[in-house]
N, C-alpha and C. Protein backbone atom coordinates (compact mmCIF):
# COMPACT_ATOMS: atom_id res chain seq x y z
N MET A 1 28.02 23.33 -7.76
CA MET A 1 27.09 22.50 -7.04
C MET A 1 25.79 22.40 -7.84
N ALA A 2 25.25 21.19 -7.95
CA ALA A 2 24.00 20.97 -8.67
C ALA A 2 22.82 21.49 -7.84
N ALA A 3 21.79 21.92 -8.53
CA ALA A 3 20.57 22.36 -7.84
C ALA A 3 19.94 21.17 -7.13
N GLN A 4 19.46 21.38 -5.91
CA GLN A 4 18.83 20.32 -5.16
C GLN A 4 17.34 20.56 -5.07
N LEU A 5 16.57 19.49 -5.16
CA LEU A 5 15.13 19.59 -5.02
C LEU A 5 14.76 19.71 -3.56
N GLY A 6 13.71 20.43 -3.29
CA GLY A 6 13.15 20.50 -1.95
C GLY A 6 12.10 19.40 -1.78
N LEU A 7 11.29 19.53 -0.77
CA LEU A 7 10.23 18.56 -0.53
C LEU A 7 9.19 18.61 -1.63
N LEU A 8 8.52 17.52 -1.84
CA LEU A 8 7.43 17.47 -2.81
C LEU A 8 6.34 18.45 -2.39
N ASP A 9 5.95 19.34 -3.27
CA ASP A 9 4.92 20.32 -2.97
C ASP A 9 3.53 19.74 -3.22
N TYR A 10 3.32 19.16 -4.38
CA TYR A 10 2.05 18.51 -4.70
C TYR A 10 2.23 17.61 -5.91
N LEU A 11 1.29 16.71 -6.10
CA LEU A 11 1.19 15.92 -7.31
C LEU A 11 -0.03 16.42 -8.06
N SER A 12 -0.08 16.20 -9.35
CA SER A 12 -1.20 16.67 -10.13
C SER A 12 -1.74 15.53 -10.98
N VAL A 13 -3.06 15.41 -11.01
CA VAL A 13 -3.73 14.46 -11.89
C VAL A 13 -4.76 15.24 -12.68
N SER A 14 -5.17 14.69 -13.81
CA SER A 14 -6.18 15.37 -14.60
C SER A 14 -7.17 14.36 -15.15
N GLY A 15 -8.32 14.88 -15.51
CA GLY A 15 -9.38 14.09 -16.10
C GLY A 15 -10.50 15.00 -16.53
N PRO A 16 -11.46 14.46 -17.26
CA PRO A 16 -12.52 15.30 -17.81
C PRO A 16 -13.54 15.79 -16.78
N ASP A 17 -13.67 15.13 -15.62
CA ASP A 17 -14.68 15.49 -14.63
C ASP A 17 -14.02 15.66 -13.26
N VAL A 18 -13.69 16.90 -12.91
CA VAL A 18 -13.01 17.19 -11.66
C VAL A 18 -13.87 16.78 -10.46
N ALA A 19 -15.15 17.02 -10.50
CA ALA A 19 -16.02 16.67 -9.38
C ALA A 19 -16.01 15.17 -9.13
N ALA A 20 -16.03 14.37 -10.18
CA ALA A 20 -15.99 12.91 -10.02
C ALA A 20 -14.66 12.45 -9.43
N LEU A 21 -13.57 13.09 -9.85
CA LEU A 21 -12.26 12.74 -9.29
C LEU A 21 -12.19 13.10 -7.81
N VAL A 22 -12.66 14.29 -7.46
CA VAL A 22 -12.65 14.71 -6.05
C VAL A 22 -13.51 13.76 -5.22
N ALA A 23 -14.67 13.38 -5.73
CA ALA A 23 -15.53 12.44 -5.00
C ALA A 23 -14.81 11.11 -4.79
N PHE A 24 -14.10 10.62 -5.79
CA PHE A 24 -13.34 9.37 -5.65
C PHE A 24 -12.28 9.50 -4.56
N TYR A 25 -11.46 10.53 -4.63
CA TYR A 25 -10.39 10.70 -3.65
C TYR A 25 -10.96 10.92 -2.24
N ARG A 26 -12.05 11.65 -2.15
CA ARG A 26 -12.67 11.92 -0.84
C ARG A 26 -13.38 10.66 -0.30
N ASP A 27 -14.21 10.03 -1.11
CA ASP A 27 -15.07 8.95 -0.62
C ASP A 27 -14.38 7.59 -0.56
N VAL A 28 -13.49 7.31 -1.50
CA VAL A 28 -12.82 6.00 -1.53
C VAL A 28 -11.50 6.03 -0.75
N LEU A 29 -10.73 7.12 -0.91
CA LEU A 29 -9.41 7.17 -0.30
C LEU A 29 -9.32 8.10 0.91
N ASP A 30 -10.47 8.65 1.34
CA ASP A 30 -10.55 9.47 2.56
C ASP A 30 -9.69 10.72 2.50
N ALA A 31 -9.57 11.32 1.32
CA ALA A 31 -8.83 12.57 1.17
C ALA A 31 -9.65 13.74 1.71
N GLY A 32 -8.95 14.72 2.24
CA GLY A 32 -9.61 15.94 2.67
C GLY A 32 -9.61 16.95 1.53
N VAL A 33 -10.73 17.58 1.30
CA VAL A 33 -10.83 18.58 0.24
C VAL A 33 -10.33 19.91 0.80
N ILE A 34 -9.33 20.49 0.14
CA ILE A 34 -8.73 21.74 0.60
C ILE A 34 -9.33 22.93 -0.15
N GLU A 35 -9.40 22.83 -1.48
CA GLU A 35 -9.96 23.92 -2.29
C GLU A 35 -10.77 23.31 -3.43
N GLU A 36 -11.86 23.98 -3.77
CA GLU A 36 -12.67 23.55 -4.90
C GLU A 36 -12.93 24.75 -5.80
N ALA A 37 -12.68 24.60 -7.06
CA ALA A 37 -12.99 25.64 -8.05
C ALA A 37 -13.54 24.94 -9.28
N TYR A 38 -14.67 24.25 -9.07
CA TYR A 38 -15.27 23.49 -10.17
C TYR A 38 -15.68 24.43 -11.29
N PRO A 39 -15.63 24.05 -12.53
CA PRO A 39 -15.33 22.70 -13.00
C PRO A 39 -13.86 22.48 -13.36
N ASP A 40 -13.00 23.45 -13.14
CA ASP A 40 -11.65 23.37 -13.67
C ASP A 40 -10.60 22.74 -12.77
N TRP A 41 -10.70 22.89 -11.47
CA TRP A 41 -9.65 22.33 -10.62
C TRP A 41 -10.12 22.23 -9.18
N ALA A 42 -9.34 21.47 -8.41
CA ALA A 42 -9.55 21.35 -6.96
C ALA A 42 -8.22 20.87 -6.37
N ARG A 43 -8.14 20.93 -5.05
CA ARG A 43 -6.95 20.42 -4.37
C ARG A 43 -7.43 19.60 -3.19
N VAL A 44 -6.86 18.40 -3.06
CA VAL A 44 -7.20 17.52 -1.94
C VAL A 44 -5.92 17.12 -1.22
N ARG A 45 -6.04 16.73 0.04
CA ARG A 45 -4.90 16.23 0.81
C ARG A 45 -5.09 14.73 0.93
N LEU A 46 -4.17 13.98 0.33
CA LEU A 46 -4.21 12.52 0.31
C LEU A 46 -2.99 12.03 1.06
N ALA A 47 -3.20 11.37 2.19
CA ALA A 47 -2.11 10.98 3.10
C ALA A 47 -1.40 12.26 3.51
N ASN A 48 -0.13 12.40 3.19
CA ASN A 48 0.60 13.62 3.56
C ASN A 48 0.98 14.44 2.33
N VAL A 49 0.23 14.26 1.23
CA VAL A 49 0.56 14.91 -0.03
C VAL A 49 -0.66 15.68 -0.55
N ASP A 50 -0.44 16.91 -1.00
CA ASP A 50 -1.50 17.64 -1.69
C ASP A 50 -1.57 17.15 -3.13
N LEU A 51 -2.77 16.93 -3.60
CA LEU A 51 -3.00 16.45 -4.95
C LEU A 51 -3.81 17.50 -5.69
N GLY A 52 -3.23 18.07 -6.75
CA GLY A 52 -3.94 19.01 -7.59
C GLY A 52 -4.75 18.23 -8.61
N VAL A 53 -6.05 18.48 -8.66
CA VAL A 53 -6.95 17.78 -9.58
C VAL A 53 -7.43 18.82 -10.58
N ARG A 54 -7.12 18.61 -11.85
CA ARG A 54 -7.50 19.61 -12.84
C ARG A 54 -8.24 18.99 -14.01
N ARG A 55 -9.03 19.81 -14.67
CA ARG A 55 -9.77 19.33 -15.83
C ARG A 55 -8.85 19.30 -17.03
N GLY A 56 -8.92 18.22 -17.79
CA GLY A 56 -8.10 18.08 -18.97
C GLY A 56 -7.87 16.62 -19.28
N GLU A 57 -7.12 16.39 -20.31
CA GLU A 57 -6.78 15.02 -20.68
C GLU A 57 -5.71 14.50 -19.74
N ARG A 58 -5.82 13.23 -19.42
CA ARG A 58 -4.80 12.59 -18.59
C ARG A 58 -3.52 12.49 -19.41
N ALA A 59 -2.41 12.95 -18.84
CA ALA A 59 -1.12 12.91 -19.54
C ALA A 59 -0.60 11.48 -19.57
N LEU A 60 -0.17 11.03 -20.72
CA LEU A 60 0.34 9.68 -20.88
C LEU A 60 1.78 9.70 -21.37
N SER A 61 2.55 8.74 -20.91
CA SER A 61 3.89 8.54 -21.45
C SER A 61 3.79 7.62 -22.66
N GLU A 62 4.90 7.33 -23.28
CA GLU A 62 4.88 6.49 -24.47
C GLU A 62 4.33 5.10 -24.21
N ASP A 63 4.51 4.57 -23.00
CA ASP A 63 4.00 3.24 -22.70
C ASP A 63 2.55 3.25 -22.22
N GLY A 64 1.90 4.41 -22.29
CA GLY A 64 0.50 4.50 -21.92
C GLY A 64 0.25 4.77 -20.45
N ALA A 65 1.30 4.93 -19.67
CA ALA A 65 1.15 5.20 -18.25
C ALA A 65 1.37 6.67 -17.97
N GLY A 66 0.66 7.20 -17.03
CA GLY A 66 0.86 8.57 -16.60
C GLY A 66 1.69 8.59 -15.33
N PRO A 67 1.72 9.72 -14.65
CA PRO A 67 2.43 9.78 -13.37
C PRO A 67 1.79 8.80 -12.39
N CYS A 68 2.55 8.32 -11.46
CA CYS A 68 2.04 7.36 -10.47
C CYS A 68 2.48 7.78 -9.08
N ALA A 69 1.53 8.01 -8.20
CA ALA A 69 1.82 8.30 -6.80
C ALA A 69 1.76 6.99 -6.03
N ALA A 70 2.73 6.76 -5.17
CA ALA A 70 2.78 5.53 -4.37
C ALA A 70 2.65 5.87 -2.89
N PHE A 71 1.80 5.14 -2.19
CA PHE A 71 1.55 5.36 -0.77
C PHE A 71 1.75 4.08 0.00
N ARG A 72 2.34 4.17 1.18
CA ARG A 72 2.53 3.01 2.04
C ARG A 72 1.22 2.63 2.72
N VAL A 73 1.01 1.33 2.90
CA VAL A 73 -0.11 0.83 3.69
C VAL A 73 0.39 -0.27 4.60
N GLN A 74 -0.29 -0.46 5.72
CA GLN A 74 0.07 -1.52 6.66
C GLN A 74 -0.63 -2.84 6.32
N ASP A 75 -1.80 -2.78 5.70
CA ASP A 75 -2.59 -3.97 5.40
C ASP A 75 -3.00 -3.92 3.93
N LEU A 76 -2.16 -4.46 3.07
CA LEU A 76 -2.40 -4.39 1.63
C LEU A 76 -3.62 -5.20 1.21
N ALA A 77 -3.76 -6.41 1.75
CA ALA A 77 -4.92 -7.24 1.41
C ALA A 77 -6.21 -6.55 1.86
N GLY A 78 -6.18 -5.94 3.04
CA GLY A 78 -7.34 -5.21 3.53
C GLY A 78 -7.66 -3.99 2.68
N PHE A 79 -6.61 -3.30 2.21
CA PHE A 79 -6.81 -2.14 1.34
C PHE A 79 -7.42 -2.58 0.01
N ARG A 80 -6.94 -3.71 -0.53
CA ARG A 80 -7.51 -4.24 -1.77
C ARG A 80 -8.99 -4.56 -1.58
N ALA A 81 -9.34 -5.18 -0.45
CA ALA A 81 -10.74 -5.49 -0.17
C ALA A 81 -11.58 -4.22 -0.10
N HIS A 82 -11.04 -3.16 0.50
CA HIS A 82 -11.74 -1.88 0.57
C HIS A 82 -12.01 -1.34 -0.84
N LEU A 83 -10.98 -1.37 -1.70
CA LEU A 83 -11.17 -0.91 -3.08
C LEU A 83 -12.28 -1.68 -3.76
N GLU A 84 -12.27 -3.00 -3.61
CA GLU A 84 -13.28 -3.83 -4.26
C GLU A 84 -14.68 -3.51 -3.73
N ARG A 85 -14.81 -3.28 -2.41
CA ARG A 85 -16.12 -2.90 -1.85
C ARG A 85 -16.61 -1.58 -2.45
N CYS A 86 -15.67 -0.70 -2.82
CA CYS A 86 -16.02 0.60 -3.42
C CYS A 86 -16.18 0.50 -4.93
N GLY A 87 -16.07 -0.69 -5.50
CA GLY A 87 -16.23 -0.88 -6.94
C GLY A 87 -15.01 -0.50 -7.75
N VAL A 88 -13.83 -0.44 -7.11
CA VAL A 88 -12.60 -0.08 -7.79
C VAL A 88 -11.82 -1.35 -8.11
N GLU A 89 -11.48 -1.53 -9.38
CA GLU A 89 -10.73 -2.71 -9.79
C GLU A 89 -9.24 -2.49 -9.51
N ALA A 90 -8.65 -3.44 -8.83
CA ALA A 90 -7.21 -3.38 -8.51
C ALA A 90 -6.47 -4.36 -9.39
N GLY A 91 -5.20 -4.06 -9.65
CA GLY A 91 -4.37 -4.95 -10.45
C GLY A 91 -3.88 -6.13 -9.63
N GLU A 92 -2.85 -6.76 -10.10
CA GLU A 92 -2.24 -7.89 -9.41
C GLU A 92 -1.20 -7.39 -8.43
N TYR A 93 -0.91 -8.20 -7.43
CA TYR A 93 0.21 -7.91 -6.54
C TYR A 93 1.51 -8.10 -7.31
N HIS A 94 2.47 -7.21 -7.09
CA HIS A 94 3.78 -7.32 -7.75
C HIS A 94 4.89 -7.23 -6.71
N ASP A 95 5.77 -8.22 -6.72
CA ASP A 95 6.92 -8.19 -5.83
C ASP A 95 7.90 -7.12 -6.28
N ILE A 96 8.43 -6.39 -5.33
CA ILE A 96 9.54 -5.47 -5.56
C ILE A 96 10.59 -5.82 -4.50
N THR A 97 11.76 -5.31 -4.63
CA THR A 97 12.79 -5.58 -3.63
C THR A 97 12.33 -5.07 -2.28
N GLY A 98 12.13 -5.99 -1.36
CA GLY A 98 11.75 -5.62 0.00
C GLY A 98 10.28 -5.45 0.25
N GLY A 99 9.42 -5.68 -0.74
CA GLY A 99 8.00 -5.48 -0.51
C GLY A 99 7.13 -5.93 -1.67
N VAL A 100 5.91 -5.45 -1.65
CA VAL A 100 4.93 -5.80 -2.67
C VAL A 100 4.07 -4.56 -2.98
N THR A 101 3.65 -4.43 -4.23
CA THR A 101 2.84 -3.28 -4.64
C THR A 101 1.52 -3.75 -5.24
N LEU A 102 0.58 -2.82 -5.30
CA LEU A 102 -0.72 -3.04 -5.91
C LEU A 102 -1.10 -1.73 -6.60
N ASP A 103 -1.44 -1.79 -7.87
CA ASP A 103 -1.85 -0.60 -8.62
C ASP A 103 -3.36 -0.60 -8.82
N PHE A 104 -3.93 0.60 -8.88
CA PHE A 104 -5.34 0.79 -9.21
C PHE A 104 -5.48 2.14 -9.88
N ARG A 105 -6.63 2.41 -10.46
CA ARG A 105 -6.84 3.65 -11.21
C ARG A 105 -8.01 4.45 -10.63
N ASP A 106 -7.88 5.78 -10.74
CA ASP A 106 -9.00 6.63 -10.37
C ASP A 106 -9.97 6.68 -11.56
N PRO A 107 -11.10 7.38 -11.45
CA PRO A 107 -12.08 7.38 -12.54
C PRO A 107 -11.56 7.91 -13.88
N ALA A 108 -10.51 8.73 -13.89
CA ALA A 108 -9.96 9.26 -15.14
C ALA A 108 -8.85 8.37 -15.69
N GLY A 109 -8.49 7.28 -14.98
CA GLY A 109 -7.45 6.39 -15.45
C GLY A 109 -6.07 6.68 -14.91
N ASN A 110 -5.93 7.66 -14.00
CA ASN A 110 -4.64 7.93 -13.38
C ASN A 110 -4.27 6.77 -12.47
N VAL A 111 -3.04 6.31 -12.54
CA VAL A 111 -2.58 5.16 -11.76
C VAL A 111 -2.12 5.60 -10.37
N LEU A 112 -2.59 4.90 -9.36
CA LEU A 112 -2.13 5.06 -7.99
C LEU A 112 -1.56 3.72 -7.55
N ARG A 113 -0.59 3.76 -6.66
CA ARG A 113 0.07 2.53 -6.20
C ARG A 113 0.11 2.54 -4.68
N VAL A 114 -0.11 1.37 -4.10
CA VAL A 114 0.10 1.19 -2.67
C VAL A 114 1.19 0.16 -2.48
N ILE A 115 1.99 0.34 -1.42
CA ILE A 115 3.16 -0.50 -1.15
C ILE A 115 3.08 -1.02 0.28
N ARG A 116 3.37 -2.28 0.43
CA ARG A 116 3.57 -2.84 1.77
C ARG A 116 4.98 -3.40 1.81
N TRP A 117 5.79 -2.84 2.68
CA TRP A 117 7.17 -3.28 2.83
C TRP A 117 7.22 -4.51 3.72
N GLY A 118 8.17 -5.39 3.45
CA GLY A 118 8.40 -6.55 4.30
C GLY A 118 7.50 -7.74 4.03
N ARG A 119 6.77 -7.73 2.94
CA ARG A 119 5.91 -8.85 2.57
C ARG A 119 6.15 -9.18 1.10
N SER A 120 5.63 -10.33 0.69
CA SER A 120 5.72 -10.74 -0.71
C SER A 120 4.32 -10.80 -1.30
N ALA A 121 4.25 -10.89 -2.62
CA ALA A 121 2.96 -11.02 -3.30
C ALA A 121 2.26 -12.30 -2.83
N ALA A 122 3.01 -13.39 -2.67
CA ALA A 122 2.41 -14.65 -2.21
C ALA A 122 1.80 -14.50 -0.83
N GLU A 123 2.48 -13.79 0.07
CA GLU A 123 1.93 -13.56 1.41
C GLU A 123 0.66 -12.73 1.35
N GLU A 124 0.61 -11.74 0.46
CA GLU A 124 -0.61 -10.91 0.33
C GLU A 124 -1.76 -11.73 -0.23
N ARG A 125 -1.49 -12.58 -1.22
CA ARG A 125 -2.55 -13.42 -1.76
C ARG A 125 -3.08 -14.35 -0.68
N SER A 126 -2.20 -14.89 0.15
CA SER A 126 -2.63 -15.76 1.26
C SER A 126 -3.44 -14.99 2.27
N ALA A 127 -3.06 -13.77 2.57
CA ALA A 127 -3.79 -12.94 3.52
C ALA A 127 -5.18 -12.62 3.01
N ALA A 128 -5.33 -12.53 1.71
CA ALA A 128 -6.62 -12.20 1.11
C ALA A 128 -7.57 -13.39 1.09
N THR A 129 -7.01 -14.60 1.17
CA THR A 129 -7.85 -15.81 1.12
C THR A 129 -7.46 -16.73 2.28
N PRO A 130 -7.85 -16.37 3.51
CA PRO A 130 -7.49 -17.18 4.66
C PRO A 130 -7.98 -18.62 4.51
N GLY A 131 -7.15 -19.54 4.93
CA GLY A 131 -7.53 -20.94 4.90
C GLY A 131 -7.16 -21.66 3.62
N ASP A 132 -6.67 -20.95 2.62
CA ASP A 132 -6.27 -21.60 1.37
C ASP A 132 -4.84 -22.08 1.45
């Protein structure tokens, strides 16, 4: 029998300024701060996932992307508007099978993704610009 994975324990992101990352997750994404050990690491609770934030270089894959955490949202256009009000640049809407995604980056360049199931990118663009 193959080894089976248990539940996700935590995700980890890194960047040169742990305090700035914690402030972003706390102030923009409403994460709860669980532990702080500045300047080297901290742990926050984002949605239902613990996120380990550590000092260091952001890990990149060959295509330049690092790990990506994806979270469900009920109002993707509204979430995008919130990011913009906080000065966070969001990418384009992308259709996936059964839904639409939106990527954005934290201050260290780590990619985060939000997903809305049951909608298309065209529907989200329309929701963002009522009357068009």
